[in-house]
Amino acid sequence: MGMFPLWEGVKLGLMLSCLVGPLFFALVQSGAEFGVRGGTLVGLGIWISDILFIIAVYLGLAQIKQIANSPAFTLYLGVGGSITLAAFGLGALLSKPPLLSEDTLHISKPANLHFTLWGKGFLINTVNPFTFFFWIGVSGISIVENNLDTREAVLFFGGIMGTIMCTDLLKVLGAKKISRHFRPVHFLWLRRLSGASLIIFGVVMIIRVLLMT
């Protein structure tokens, strides 16, 4: 099959990058408020979460599919994910953006901000049940239907993750570039929009999960 799995992975990664969901708002908000480093830390949390999903699902597909078929598992994961999204959203609505001028940036950042940003990306991605089911579906297709060997699977998933990483970084860079033209009120609006969106996604998630179970 040559490099065909790699290009298939790139195409799937491009499709995923066009979706507007909670991860998009988390990346854009963090990139605008905390710069490229802050946005990249959120992205790093997302990417590590995805890689762990890929490894877990690829190595234990049969067992994980059996767990995923349990309505109780879907319900608990969905409730947990909804609460997490709503909590992040509420936090954004009730808080104010940090000061972003270069000479005050180090003062306005708490010491644990880097871990907080990383954890935000990791949690939002990990507790989303649809991320879990997506990787199960993708792994099922690659392993069962396309009968990919280990090398081909590495190329396929590498293509997906490489594309996701590049497009996420472009979103962060774009948010940082646009934020240079922001006034303080614009950062407040962005944070409010991001918070409201996360709450809405959390409500939609729990509704979809309840309909599934």
N, C-alpha and C. Protein backbone atom coordinates (compact mmCIF):
# COMPACT_ATOMS: atom_id res chain seq x y z
N MET A 1 0.81 -1.21 0.00
CA MET A 1 0.00 0.00 0.00
C MET A 1 0.85 1.28 0.00
N GLY A 2 2.18 1.14 0.21
CA GLY A 2 3.05 2.29 0.14
C GLY A 2 2.70 3.36 1.16
N MET A 3 2.62 4.60 0.66
CA MET A 3 2.33 5.73 1.53
C MET A 3 0.84 6.05 1.58
N PHE A 4 0.02 5.17 1.01
CA PHE A 4 -1.42 5.42 0.97
C PHE A 4 -2.03 5.63 2.36
N PRO A 5 -1.68 4.81 3.38
CA PRO A 5 -2.26 5.04 4.72
C PRO A 5 -1.94 6.43 5.27
N LEU A 6 -0.73 6.94 4.96
CA LEU A 6 -0.35 8.27 5.44
C LEU A 6 -1.26 9.34 4.87
N TRP A 7 -1.50 9.28 3.57
CA TRP A 7 -2.36 10.29 2.94
C TRP A 7 -3.81 10.16 3.40
N GLU A 8 -4.25 8.94 3.65
CA GLU A 8 -5.60 8.75 4.19
C GLU A 8 -5.71 9.38 5.58
N GLY A 9 -4.66 9.23 6.37
CA GLY A 9 -4.64 9.83 7.69
C GLY A 9 -4.63 11.35 7.62
N VAL A 10 -3.86 11.91 6.67
CA VAL A 10 -3.81 13.36 6.49
C VAL A 10 -5.20 13.89 6.11
N LYS A 11 -5.87 13.20 5.20
CA LYS A 11 -7.21 13.65 4.78
C LYS A 11 -8.20 13.63 5.94
N LEU A 12 -8.14 12.57 6.75
CA LEU A 12 -9.03 12.49 7.91
C LEU A 12 -8.69 13.57 8.92
N GLY A 13 -7.40 13.83 9.11
CA GLY A 13 -6.98 14.89 10.02
C GLY A 13 -7.46 16.26 9.57
N LEU A 14 -7.44 16.51 8.26
CA LEU A 14 -7.94 17.78 7.73
C LEU A 14 -9.43 17.93 7.96
N MET A 15 -10.17 16.83 7.81
CA MET A 15 -11.61 16.87 8.07
C MET A 15 -11.88 17.21 9.53
N LEU A 16 -11.11 16.60 10.44
CA LEU A 16 -11.30 16.86 11.87
C LEU A 16 -10.96 18.30 12.22
N SER A 17 -9.94 18.84 11.56
CA SER A 17 -9.50 20.20 11.88
C SER A 17 -10.54 21.26 11.50
N CYS A 18 -11.47 20.89 10.61
CA CYS A 18 -12.50 21.85 10.19
C CYS A 18 -13.68 21.89 11.14
N LEU A 19 -13.74 20.95 12.09
CA LEU A 19 -14.86 20.93 13.04
C LEU A 19 -14.72 22.04 14.07
N VAL A 20 -15.81 22.69 14.39
CA VAL A 20 -15.82 23.73 15.41
C VAL A 20 -16.51 23.17 16.65
N GLY A 21 -15.72 22.92 17.69
CA GLY A 21 -16.24 22.33 18.91
C GLY A 21 -15.57 22.95 20.11
N PRO A 22 -15.69 22.33 21.27
CA PRO A 22 -15.09 22.88 22.49
C PRO A 22 -13.58 23.02 22.40
N LEU A 23 -12.91 22.11 21.68
CA LEU A 23 -11.46 22.19 21.56
C LEU A 23 -11.05 23.43 20.76
N PHE A 24 -11.81 23.75 19.75
CA PHE A 24 -11.52 24.94 18.94
C PHE A 24 -11.55 26.20 19.80
N PHE A 25 -12.60 26.35 20.61
CA PHE A 25 -12.72 27.53 21.45
C PHE A 25 -11.64 27.56 22.53
N ALA A 26 -11.27 26.39 23.05
CA ALA A 26 -10.21 26.34 24.06
C ALA A 26 -8.88 26.78 23.47
N LEU A 27 -8.58 26.35 22.26
CA LEU A 27 -7.33 26.72 21.60
C LEU A 27 -7.29 28.21 21.28
N VAL A 28 -8.37 28.72 20.70
CA VAL A 28 -8.41 30.12 20.29
C VAL A 28 -8.34 31.05 21.50
N GLN A 29 -9.13 30.75 22.53
CA GLN A 29 -9.11 31.59 23.72
C GLN A 29 -7.73 31.62 24.36
N SER A 30 -7.13 30.44 24.51
CA SER A 30 -5.81 30.36 25.15
C SER A 30 -4.74 31.03 24.30
N GLY A 31 -4.82 30.84 22.97
CA GLY A 31 -3.85 31.48 22.09
C GLY A 31 -3.95 32.99 22.13
N ALA A 32 -5.18 33.52 22.20
CA ALA A 32 -5.37 34.97 22.23
C ALA A 32 -4.94 35.56 23.56
N GLU A 33 -5.24 34.89 24.67
CA GLU A 33 -4.98 35.45 25.99
C GLU A 33 -3.55 35.19 26.47
N PHE A 34 -3.01 34.01 26.17
CA PHE A 34 -1.72 33.62 26.74
C PHE A 34 -0.63 33.44 25.69
N GLY A 35 -0.94 33.74 24.44
CA GLY A 35 0.07 33.67 23.41
C GLY A 35 0.27 32.27 22.86
N VAL A 36 1.29 32.15 22.02
CA VAL A 36 1.57 30.89 21.34
C VAL A 36 1.91 29.78 22.34
N ARG A 37 2.68 30.12 23.37
CA ARG A 37 3.06 29.11 24.36
C ARG A 37 1.83 28.58 25.10
N GLY A 38 0.94 29.48 25.52
CA GLY A 38 -0.26 29.05 26.24
C GLY A 38 -1.17 28.21 25.38
N GLY A 39 -1.39 28.65 24.13
CA GLY A 39 -2.23 27.87 23.22
C GLY A 39 -1.63 26.52 22.90
N THR A 40 -0.30 26.49 22.76
CA THR A 40 0.38 25.22 22.46
C THR A 40 0.28 24.25 23.63
N LEU A 41 0.30 24.77 24.85
CA LEU A 41 0.15 23.90 26.02
C LEU A 41 -1.23 23.25 26.05
N VAL A 42 -2.27 24.02 25.70
CA VAL A 42 -3.61 23.44 25.59
C VAL A 42 -3.60 22.37 24.49
N GLY A 43 -2.99 22.70 23.35
CA GLY A 43 -2.89 21.72 22.26
C GLY A 43 -2.13 20.48 22.68
N LEU A 44 -1.07 20.65 23.47
CA LEU A 44 -0.28 19.50 23.92
C LEU A 44 -1.13 18.56 24.77
N GLY A 45 -1.98 19.13 25.62
CA GLY A 45 -2.89 18.29 26.40
C GLY A 45 -3.84 17.51 25.52
N ILE A 46 -4.36 18.16 24.47
CA ILE A 46 -5.25 17.49 23.53
C ILE A 46 -4.52 16.37 22.80
N TRP A 47 -3.33 16.66 22.32
CA TRP A 47 -2.58 15.67 21.52
C TRP A 47 -2.19 14.46 22.35
N ILE A 48 -1.73 14.68 23.58
CA ILE A 48 -1.37 13.55 24.44
C ILE A 48 -2.60 12.69 24.72
N SER A 49 -3.73 13.33 24.96
CA SER A 49 -4.97 12.59 25.18
C SER A 49 -5.30 11.72 23.97
N ASP A 50 -5.21 12.30 22.78
CA ASP A 50 -5.51 11.55 21.56
C ASP A 50 -4.55 10.38 21.37
N ILE A 51 -3.27 10.62 21.61
CA ILE A 51 -2.27 9.56 21.44
C ILE A 51 -2.53 8.42 22.42
N LEU A 52 -2.88 8.74 23.65
CA LEU A 52 -3.20 7.70 24.63
C LEU A 52 -4.43 6.91 24.19
N PHE A 53 -5.44 7.60 23.64
CA PHE A 53 -6.61 6.91 23.11
C PHE A 53 -6.21 5.95 22.00
N ILE A 54 -5.38 6.43 21.07
CA ILE A 54 -4.96 5.60 19.94
C ILE A 54 -4.25 4.34 20.42
N ILE A 55 -3.30 4.51 21.33
CA ILE A 55 -2.53 3.37 21.83
C ILE A 55 -3.44 2.38 22.55
N ALA A 56 -4.31 2.90 23.43
CA ALA A 56 -5.19 2.03 24.21
C ALA A 56 -6.15 1.27 23.30
N VAL A 57 -6.74 1.99 22.35
CA VAL A 57 -7.73 1.35 21.47
C VAL A 57 -7.05 0.37 20.52
N TYR A 58 -5.90 0.75 19.98
CA TYR A 58 -5.21 -0.13 19.02
C TYR A 58 -4.74 -1.42 19.68
N LEU A 59 -4.25 -1.31 20.92
CA LEU A 59 -3.71 -2.50 21.59
C LEU A 59 -4.80 -3.36 22.22
N GLY A 60 -5.94 -2.77 22.54
CA GLY A 60 -6.98 -3.56 23.20
C GLY A 60 -8.35 -3.34 22.59
N LEU A 61 -8.42 -3.40 21.27
CA LEU A 61 -9.64 -3.04 20.56
C LEU A 61 -10.84 -3.87 21.00
N ALA A 62 -10.68 -5.18 21.07
CA ALA A 62 -11.81 -6.05 21.39
C ALA A 62 -12.34 -5.77 22.80
N GLN A 63 -11.42 -5.65 23.77
CA GLN A 63 -11.83 -5.42 25.15
C GLN A 63 -12.47 -4.04 25.31
N ILE A 64 -11.89 -3.03 24.66
CA ILE A 64 -12.41 -1.66 24.79
C ILE A 64 -13.76 -1.54 24.11
N LYS A 65 -13.94 -2.20 22.98
CA LYS A 65 -15.24 -2.16 22.30
C LYS A 65 -16.32 -2.79 23.18
N GLN A 66 -15.95 -3.83 23.92
CA GLN A 66 -16.91 -4.47 24.82
C GLN A 66 -17.31 -3.52 25.95
N ILE A 67 -16.32 -2.79 26.49
CA ILE A 67 -16.62 -1.81 27.53
C ILE A 67 -17.48 -0.68 26.98
N ALA A 68 -17.15 -0.22 25.78
CA ALA A 68 -17.86 0.91 25.18
C ALA A 68 -19.31 0.57 24.87
N ASN A 69 -19.61 -0.69 24.67
CA ASN A 69 -20.98 -1.10 24.37
C ASN A 69 -21.89 -1.07 25.59
N SER A 70 -21.30 -0.85 26.76
CA SER A 70 -22.09 -0.79 27.99
C SER A 70 -22.80 0.56 28.10
N PRO A 71 -24.13 0.58 28.20
CA PRO A 71 -24.85 1.86 28.34
C PRO A 71 -24.42 2.64 29.59
N ALA A 72 -24.10 1.91 30.66
CA ALA A 72 -23.68 2.59 31.90
C ALA A 72 -22.38 3.35 31.68
N PHE A 73 -21.44 2.75 30.93
CA PHE A 73 -20.16 3.41 30.66
C PHE A 73 -20.38 4.70 29.88
N THR A 74 -21.21 4.61 28.84
CA THR A 74 -21.51 5.79 28.03
C THR A 74 -22.16 6.88 28.86
N LEU A 75 -23.07 6.49 29.73
CA LEU A 75 -23.78 7.46 30.57
C LEU A 75 -22.82 8.15 31.54
N TYR A 76 -22.00 7.36 32.24
CA TYR A 76 -21.08 7.95 33.22
C TYR A 76 -20.06 8.87 32.54
N LEU A 77 -19.53 8.41 31.41
CA LEU A 77 -18.54 9.22 30.69
C LEU A 77 -19.19 10.50 30.17
N GLY A 78 -20.42 10.38 29.67
CA GLY A 78 -21.12 11.55 29.16
C GLY A 78 -21.44 12.56 30.25
N VAL A 79 -21.90 12.08 31.40
CA VAL A 79 -22.20 12.98 32.52
C VAL A 79 -20.92 13.67 33.00
N GLY A 80 -19.86 12.88 33.13
CA GLY A 80 -18.59 13.47 33.56
C GLY A 80 -18.08 14.49 32.57
N GLY A 81 -18.20 14.18 31.28
CA GLY A 81 -17.75 15.12 30.26
C GLY A 81 -18.58 16.39 30.26
N SER A 82 -19.88 16.26 30.40
CA SER A 82 -20.76 17.43 30.42
C SER A 82 -20.45 18.34 31.59
N ILE A 83 -20.25 17.73 32.77
CA ILE A 83 -19.93 18.52 33.96
C ILE A 83 -18.59 19.24 33.79
N THR A 84 -17.62 18.55 33.21
CA THR A 84 -16.30 19.16 33.01
C THR A 84 -16.38 20.34 32.05
N LEU A 85 -17.07 20.17 30.92
CA LEU A 85 -17.21 21.27 29.96
C LEU A 85 -17.95 22.45 30.59
N ALA A 86 -19.04 22.15 31.29
CA ALA A 86 -19.81 23.22 31.93
C ALA A 86 -18.98 23.94 32.98
N ALA A 87 -18.15 23.21 33.71
CA ALA A 87 -17.31 23.83 34.74
C ALA A 87 -16.29 24.78 34.12
N PHE A 88 -15.64 24.33 33.05
CA PHE A 88 -14.70 25.20 32.35
C PHE A 88 -15.43 26.43 31.79
N GLY A 89 -16.62 26.20 31.23
CA GLY A 89 -17.39 27.31 30.67
C GLY A 89 -17.81 28.31 31.72
N LEU A 90 -18.28 27.81 32.86
CA LEU A 90 -18.70 28.69 33.96
C LEU A 90 -17.51 29.47 34.50
N GLY A 91 -16.37 28.79 34.58
CA GLY A 91 -15.17 29.48 35.05
C GLY A 91 -14.79 30.63 34.13
N ALA A 92 -14.93 30.42 32.81
CA ALA A 92 -14.62 31.48 31.86
C ALA A 92 -15.61 32.63 31.97
N LEU A 93 -16.87 32.31 32.20
CA LEU A 93 -17.89 33.35 32.30
C LEU A 93 -17.70 34.22 33.55
N LEU A 94 -17.23 33.61 34.64
CA LEU A 94 -17.13 34.32 35.91
C LEU A 94 -15.78 34.96 36.15
N SER A 95 -14.83 34.71 35.25
CA SER A 95 -13.49 35.27 35.44
C SER A 95 -13.20 36.33 34.39
N LYS A 96 -12.15 37.11 34.64
CA LYS A 96 -11.73 38.14 33.70
C LYS A 96 -10.43 37.74 33.02
N PRO A 97 -10.22 38.18 31.77
CA PRO A 97 -8.97 37.86 31.08
C PRO A 97 -7.78 38.45 31.80
N PRO A 98 -6.60 37.81 31.70
CA PRO A 98 -5.40 38.35 32.34
C PRO A 98 -4.87 39.56 31.58
N LEU A 99 -4.02 40.32 32.22
CA LEU A 99 -3.33 41.40 31.52
C LEU A 99 -2.38 40.80 30.51
N LEU A 100 -2.29 41.40 29.32
CA LEU A 100 -1.53 40.75 28.26
C LEU A 100 -0.38 41.59 27.73
N SER A 101 -0.08 42.71 28.33
CA SER A 101 1.07 43.48 27.87
C SER A 101 2.35 42.76 28.24
N GLU A 102 3.41 42.92 27.42
CA GLU A 102 4.62 42.13 27.60
C GLU A 102 5.27 42.38 28.97
N ASP A 103 5.20 43.62 29.48
CA ASP A 103 5.89 43.91 30.74
C ASP A 103 5.11 43.46 31.96
N THR A 104 3.83 43.07 31.80
CA THR A 104 3.05 42.61 32.95
C THR A 104 2.63 41.16 32.82
N LEU A 105 3.02 40.55 31.71
CA LEU A 105 2.55 39.18 31.44
C LEU A 105 3.02 38.22 32.53
N HIS A 106 4.30 38.36 32.96
CA HIS A 106 4.82 37.41 33.95
C HIS A 106 4.19 37.62 35.32
N ILE A 107 3.67 38.84 35.56
CA ILE A 107 3.05 39.11 36.85
C ILE A 107 1.64 38.54 36.92
N SER A 108 0.93 38.59 35.77
CA SER A 108 -0.47 38.19 35.78
C SER A 108 -0.67 36.70 35.70
N LYS A 109 0.40 35.94 35.44
CA LYS A 109 0.27 34.50 35.31
C LYS A 109 0.54 33.80 36.64
N PRO A 110 -0.35 32.92 37.11
CA PRO A 110 -0.05 32.14 38.30
C PRO A 110 1.04 31.13 38.01
N ALA A 111 1.70 30.68 39.09
CA ALA A 111 2.83 29.77 38.90
C ALA A 111 2.43 28.47 38.24
N ASN A 112 1.20 28.01 38.46
CA ASN A 112 0.77 26.72 37.93
C ASN A 112 -0.01 26.86 36.63
N LEU A 113 0.11 28.03 35.96
CA LEU A 113 -0.69 28.27 34.77
C LEU A 113 -0.39 27.27 33.66
N HIS A 114 0.88 26.93 33.47
CA HIS A 114 1.24 26.01 32.40
C HIS A 114 0.56 24.66 32.57
N PHE A 115 0.59 24.15 33.79
CA PHE A 115 -0.07 22.86 34.04
C PHE A 115 -1.58 23.01 33.88
N THR A 116 -2.14 24.14 34.29
CA THR A 116 -3.58 24.37 34.16
C THR A 116 -4.00 24.36 32.70
N LEU A 117 -3.23 25.03 31.85
CA LEU A 117 -3.55 25.08 30.42
C LEU A 117 -3.44 23.69 29.80
N TRP A 118 -2.37 22.97 30.14
CA TRP A 118 -2.22 21.60 29.64
C TRP A 118 -3.38 20.73 30.10
N GLY A 119 -3.72 20.84 31.38
CA GLY A 119 -4.80 20.03 31.92
C GLY A 119 -6.14 20.36 31.30
N LYS A 120 -6.34 21.62 30.94
CA LYS A 120 -7.59 22.02 30.30
C LYS A 120 -7.76 21.29 28.98
N GLY A 121 -6.73 21.31 28.14
CA GLY A 121 -6.82 20.60 26.86
C GLY A 121 -6.98 19.11 27.05
N PHE A 122 -6.23 18.54 27.99
CA PHE A 122 -6.29 17.10 28.23
C PHE A 122 -7.66 16.67 28.70
N LEU A 123 -8.22 17.39 29.66
CA LEU A 123 -9.52 17.01 30.24
C LEU A 123 -10.66 17.18 29.24
N ILE A 124 -10.69 18.34 28.55
CA ILE A 124 -11.78 18.57 27.60
C ILE A 124 -11.82 17.49 26.54
N ASN A 125 -10.65 17.05 26.09
CA ASN A 125 -10.62 16.00 25.07
C ASN A 125 -10.91 14.62 25.65
N THR A 126 -10.35 14.34 26.83
CA THR A 126 -10.44 12.99 27.38
C THR A 126 -11.84 12.64 27.85
N VAL A 127 -12.55 13.59 28.47
CA VAL A 127 -13.86 13.27 29.04
C VAL A 127 -14.98 13.35 28.00
N ASN A 128 -14.64 13.69 26.78
CA ASN A 128 -15.64 13.73 25.72
C ASN A 128 -15.89 12.32 25.20
N PRO A 129 -17.07 11.74 25.43
CA PRO A 129 -17.31 10.36 25.00
C PRO A 129 -17.23 10.19 23.49
N PHE A 130 -17.45 11.24 22.75
CA PHE A 130 -17.43 11.13 21.29
C PHE A 130 -16.00 11.04 20.76
N THR A 131 -15.03 11.58 21.52
CA THR A 131 -13.62 11.36 21.19
C THR A 131 -13.29 9.88 21.33
N PHE A 132 -13.77 9.29 22.41
CA PHE A 132 -13.54 7.87 22.68
C PHE A 132 -14.13 7.00 21.57
N PHE A 133 -15.38 7.27 21.21
CA PHE A 133 -16.03 6.46 20.18
C PHE A 133 -15.44 6.73 18.80
N PHE A 134 -14.95 7.94 18.57
CA PHE A 134 -14.32 8.25 17.28
C PHE A 134 -13.08 7.37 17.07
N TRP A 135 -12.22 7.30 18.10
CA TRP A 135 -10.99 6.53 17.94
C TRP A 135 -11.28 5.04 17.87
N ILE A 136 -12.33 4.58 18.53
CA ILE A 136 -12.72 3.18 18.39
C ILE A 136 -13.13 2.90 16.94
N GLY A 137 -13.94 3.82 16.38
CA GLY A 137 -14.38 3.64 15.00
C GLY A 137 -13.23 3.68 14.01
N VAL A 138 -12.33 4.64 14.18
CA VAL A 138 -11.18 4.77 13.28
C VAL A 138 -10.28 3.55 13.38
N SER A 139 -10.02 3.10 14.61
CA SER A 139 -9.17 1.91 14.79
C SER A 139 -9.83 0.67 14.21
N GLY A 140 -11.14 0.55 14.39
CA GLY A 140 -11.85 -0.59 13.82
C GLY A 140 -11.73 -0.64 12.32
N ILE A 141 -11.88 0.51 11.68
CA ILE A 141 -11.76 0.56 10.22
C ILE A 141 -10.35 0.23 9.77
N SER A 142 -9.35 0.81 10.44
CA SER A 142 -7.96 0.61 10.01
C SER A 142 -7.49 -0.82 10.25
N ILE A 143 -7.92 -1.41 11.36
CA ILE A 143 -7.43 -2.75 11.71
C ILE A 143 -8.24 -3.84 11.02
N VAL A 144 -9.56 -3.71 11.06
CA VAL A 144 -10.43 -4.78 10.56
C VAL A 144 -10.69 -4.65 9.07
N GLU A 145 -11.26 -3.50 8.66
CA GLU A 145 -11.67 -3.36 7.27
C GLU A 145 -10.49 -3.21 6.31
N ASN A 146 -9.53 -2.36 6.66
CA ASN A 146 -8.39 -2.12 5.77
C ASN A 146 -7.23 -3.06 6.03
N ASN A 147 -7.31 -3.83 7.13
CA ASN A 147 -6.30 -4.84 7.43
C ASN A 147 -4.88 -4.26 7.39
N LEU A 148 -4.68 -3.15 8.09
CA LEU A 148 -3.37 -2.51 8.11
C LEU A 148 -2.42 -3.25 9.03
N ASP A 149 -1.17 -3.39 8.58
CA ASP A 149 -0.16 -3.97 9.47
C ASP A 149 0.36 -2.84 10.38
N THR A 150 1.32 -3.17 11.24
CA THR A 150 1.80 -2.21 12.22
C THR A 150 2.40 -0.97 11.56
N ARG A 151 3.23 -1.17 10.54
CA ARG A 151 3.84 -0.02 9.85
C ARG A 151 2.78 0.86 9.22
N GLU A 152 1.82 0.26 8.57
CA GLU A 152 0.77 1.04 7.90
C GLU A 152 -0.11 1.77 8.92
N ALA A 153 -0.36 1.11 10.06
CA ALA A 153 -1.15 1.76 11.11
C ALA A 153 -0.42 2.97 11.68
N VAL A 154 0.91 2.86 11.85
CA VAL A 154 1.71 3.99 12.32
C VAL A 154 1.63 5.15 11.34
N LEU A 155 1.72 4.85 10.05
CA LEU A 155 1.61 5.89 9.03
C LEU A 155 0.23 6.54 9.06
N PHE A 156 -0.80 5.72 9.19
CA PHE A 156 -2.18 6.21 9.18
C PHE A 156 -2.45 7.13 10.37
N PHE A 157 -2.17 6.64 11.57
CA PHE A 157 -2.40 7.45 12.76
C PHE A 157 -1.42 8.63 12.85
N GLY A 158 -0.21 8.42 12.34
CA GLY A 158 0.75 9.52 12.29
C GLY A 158 0.26 10.64 11.38
N GLY A 159 -0.35 10.27 10.26
CA GLY A 159 -0.91 11.27 9.37
C GLY A 159 -2.03 12.05 10.01
N ILE A 160 -2.89 11.34 10.75
CA ILE A 160 -3.98 12.03 11.45
C ILE A 160 -3.43 13.00 12.49
N MET A 161 -2.56 12.49 13.38
CA MET A 161 -2.07 13.32 14.48
C MET A 161 -1.17 14.44 13.98
N GLY A 162 -0.34 14.18 12.98
CA GLY A 162 0.51 15.24 12.45
C GLY A 162 -0.31 16.38 11.88
N THR A 163 -1.39 16.03 11.17
CA THR A 163 -2.26 17.06 10.60
C THR A 163 -3.00 17.83 11.69
N ILE A 164 -3.50 17.10 12.69
CA ILE A 164 -4.20 17.76 13.79
C ILE A 164 -3.26 18.74 14.52
N MET A 165 -2.03 18.31 14.78
CA MET A 165 -1.08 19.17 15.47
C MET A 165 -0.78 20.43 14.67
N CYS A 166 -0.54 20.27 13.37
CA CYS A 166 -0.22 21.43 12.53
C CYS A 166 -1.38 22.40 12.45
N THR A 167 -2.59 21.89 12.26
CA THR A 167 -3.75 22.78 12.14
C THR A 167 -4.09 23.43 13.48
N ASP A 168 -3.89 22.72 14.59
CA ASP A 168 -4.12 23.32 15.91
C ASP A 168 -3.14 24.47 16.14
N LEU A 169 -1.88 24.27 15.75
CA LEU A 169 -0.90 25.33 15.90
C LEU A 169 -1.25 26.54 15.04
N LEU A 170 -1.77 26.29 13.84
CA LEU A 170 -2.20 27.40 12.98
C LEU A 170 -3.34 28.18 13.63
N LYS A 171 -4.26 27.48 14.29
CA LYS A 171 -5.35 28.16 15.00
C LYS A 171 -4.80 29.03 16.13
N VAL A 172 -3.82 28.50 16.87
CA VAL A 172 -3.22 29.26 17.96
C VAL A 172 -2.49 30.49 17.42
N LEU A 173 -1.71 30.29 16.36
CA LEU A 173 -0.97 31.40 15.76
C LEU A 173 -1.93 32.47 15.22
N GLY A 174 -3.01 32.01 14.59
CA GLY A 174 -4.00 32.95 14.07
C GLY A 174 -4.66 33.75 15.19
N ALA A 175 -4.99 33.05 16.29
CA ALA A 175 -5.61 33.73 17.43
C ALA A 175 -4.66 34.76 18.03
N LYS A 176 -3.39 34.41 18.14
CA LYS A 176 -2.40 35.34 18.69
C LYS A 176 -2.24 36.55 17.79
N LYS A 177 -2.21 36.32 16.49
CA LYS A 177 -2.03 37.43 15.55
C LYS A 177 -3.21 38.38 15.59
N ILE A 178 -4.41 37.84 15.62
CA ILE A 178 -5.61 38.67 15.66
C ILE A 178 -5.71 39.43 16.98
N SER A 179 -5.26 38.79 18.06
CA SER A 179 -5.38 39.41 19.39
C SER A 179 -4.55 40.67 19.53
N ARG A 180 -3.56 40.86 18.65
CA ARG A 180 -2.75 42.07 18.70
C ARG A 180 -3.58 43.32 18.42
N HIS A 181 -4.71 43.12 17.75
CA HIS A 181 -5.57 44.25 17.41
C HIS A 181 -6.73 44.38 18.41
N PHE A 182 -6.72 43.54 19.45
CA PHE A 182 -7.82 43.55 20.43
C PHE A 182 -7.62 44.68 21.45
N ARG A 183 -8.73 45.22 21.89
CA ARG A 183 -8.77 46.06 23.07
C ARG A 183 -9.21 45.18 24.24
N PRO A 184 -9.04 45.63 25.48
CA PRO A 184 -9.42 44.79 26.64
C PRO A 184 -10.83 44.24 26.55
N VAL A 185 -11.78 45.03 26.05
CA VAL A 185 -13.16 44.56 25.99
C VAL A 185 -13.30 43.38 25.02
N HIS A 186 -12.46 43.34 23.99
CA HIS A 186 -12.53 42.23 23.03
C HIS A 186 -12.10 40.92 23.68
N PHE A 187 -11.08 40.97 24.55
CA PHE A 187 -10.68 39.77 25.27
C PHE A 187 -11.79 39.29 26.19
N LEU A 188 -12.50 40.25 26.78
CA LEU A 188 -13.62 39.88 27.65
C LEU A 188 -14.72 39.20 26.84
N TRP A 189 -15.02 39.75 25.66
CA TRP A 189 -16.05 39.14 24.80
C TRP A 189 -15.63 37.74 24.37
N LEU A 190 -14.35 37.58 24.02
CA LEU A 190 -13.86 36.27 23.59
C LEU A 190 -13.99 35.25 24.71
N ARG A 191 -13.63 35.67 25.93
CA ARG A 191 -13.74 34.74 27.06
C ARG A 191 -15.19 34.38 27.34
N ARG A 192 -16.08 35.37 27.26
CA ARG A 192 -17.50 35.10 27.46
C ARG A 192 -18.04 34.16 26.38
N LEU A 193 -17.65 34.38 25.13
CA LEU A 193 -18.08 33.52 24.03
C LEU A 193 -17.58 32.10 24.21
N SER A 194 -16.31 31.97 24.61
CA SER A 194 -15.74 30.65 24.83
C SER A 194 -16.45 29.95 25.98
N GLY A 195 -16.71 30.67 27.08
CA GLY A 195 -17.39 30.07 28.23
C GLY A 195 -18.79 29.62 27.89
N ALA A 196 -19.55 30.49 27.21
CA ALA A 196 -20.91 30.14 26.83
C ALA A 196 -20.93 28.94 25.88
N SER A 197 -19.96 28.89 24.97
CA SER A 197 -19.90 27.78 24.02
C SER A 197 -19.63 26.46 24.73
N LEU A 198 -18.72 26.47 25.70
CA LEU A 198 -18.41 25.25 26.44
C LEU A 198 -19.63 24.75 27.22
N ILE A 199 -20.37 25.68 27.81
CA ILE A 199 -21.59 25.28 28.54
C ILE A 199 -22.61 24.68 27.57
N ILE A 200 -22.78 25.31 26.41
CA ILE A 200 -23.72 24.79 25.42
C ILE A 200 -23.30 23.40 24.95
N PHE A 201 -22.00 23.23 24.67
CA PHE A 201 -21.51 21.92 24.25
C PHE A 201 -21.74 20.87 25.34
N GLY A 202 -21.58 21.28 26.60
CA GLY A 202 -21.83 20.35 27.70
C GLY A 202 -23.28 19.93 27.77
N VAL A 203 -24.20 20.88 27.58
CA VAL A 203 -25.63 20.56 27.60
C VAL A 203 -25.99 19.65 26.43
N VAL A 204 -25.47 19.99 25.24
CA VAL A 204 -25.75 19.16 24.06
C VAL A 204 -25.20 17.76 24.25
N MET A 205 -24.02 17.66 24.87
CA MET A 205 -23.41 16.35 25.09
C MET A 205 -24.28 15.46 25.97
N ILE A 206 -24.77 16.01 27.08
CA ILE A 206 -25.56 15.18 27.98
C ILE A 206 -26.87 14.77 27.34
N ILE A 207 -27.47 15.65 26.51
CA ILE A 207 -28.69 15.31 25.81
C ILE A 207 -28.42 14.16 24.82
N ARG A 208 -27.34 14.25 24.07
CA ARG A 208 -27.02 13.21 23.10
C ARG A 208 -26.72 11.89 23.79
N VAL A 209 -26.02 11.95 24.93
CA VAL A 209 -25.71 10.73 25.67
C VAL A 209 -26.98 10.09 26.20
N LEU A 210 -27.89 10.89 26.73
CA LEU A 210 -29.15 10.35 27.26
C LEU A 210 -29.97 9.72 26.14
N LEU A 211 -29.92 10.28 24.96
CA LEU A 211 -30.65 9.70 23.82
C LEU A 211 -30.01 8.39 23.36
N MET A 212 -28.69 8.27 23.58
CA MET A 212 -27.99 7.06 23.17
C MET A 212 -28.22 5.91 24.14
N THR A 213 -28.47 6.21 25.42
CA THR A 213 -28.54 5.16 26.44
C THR A 213 -29.96 4.75 26.75
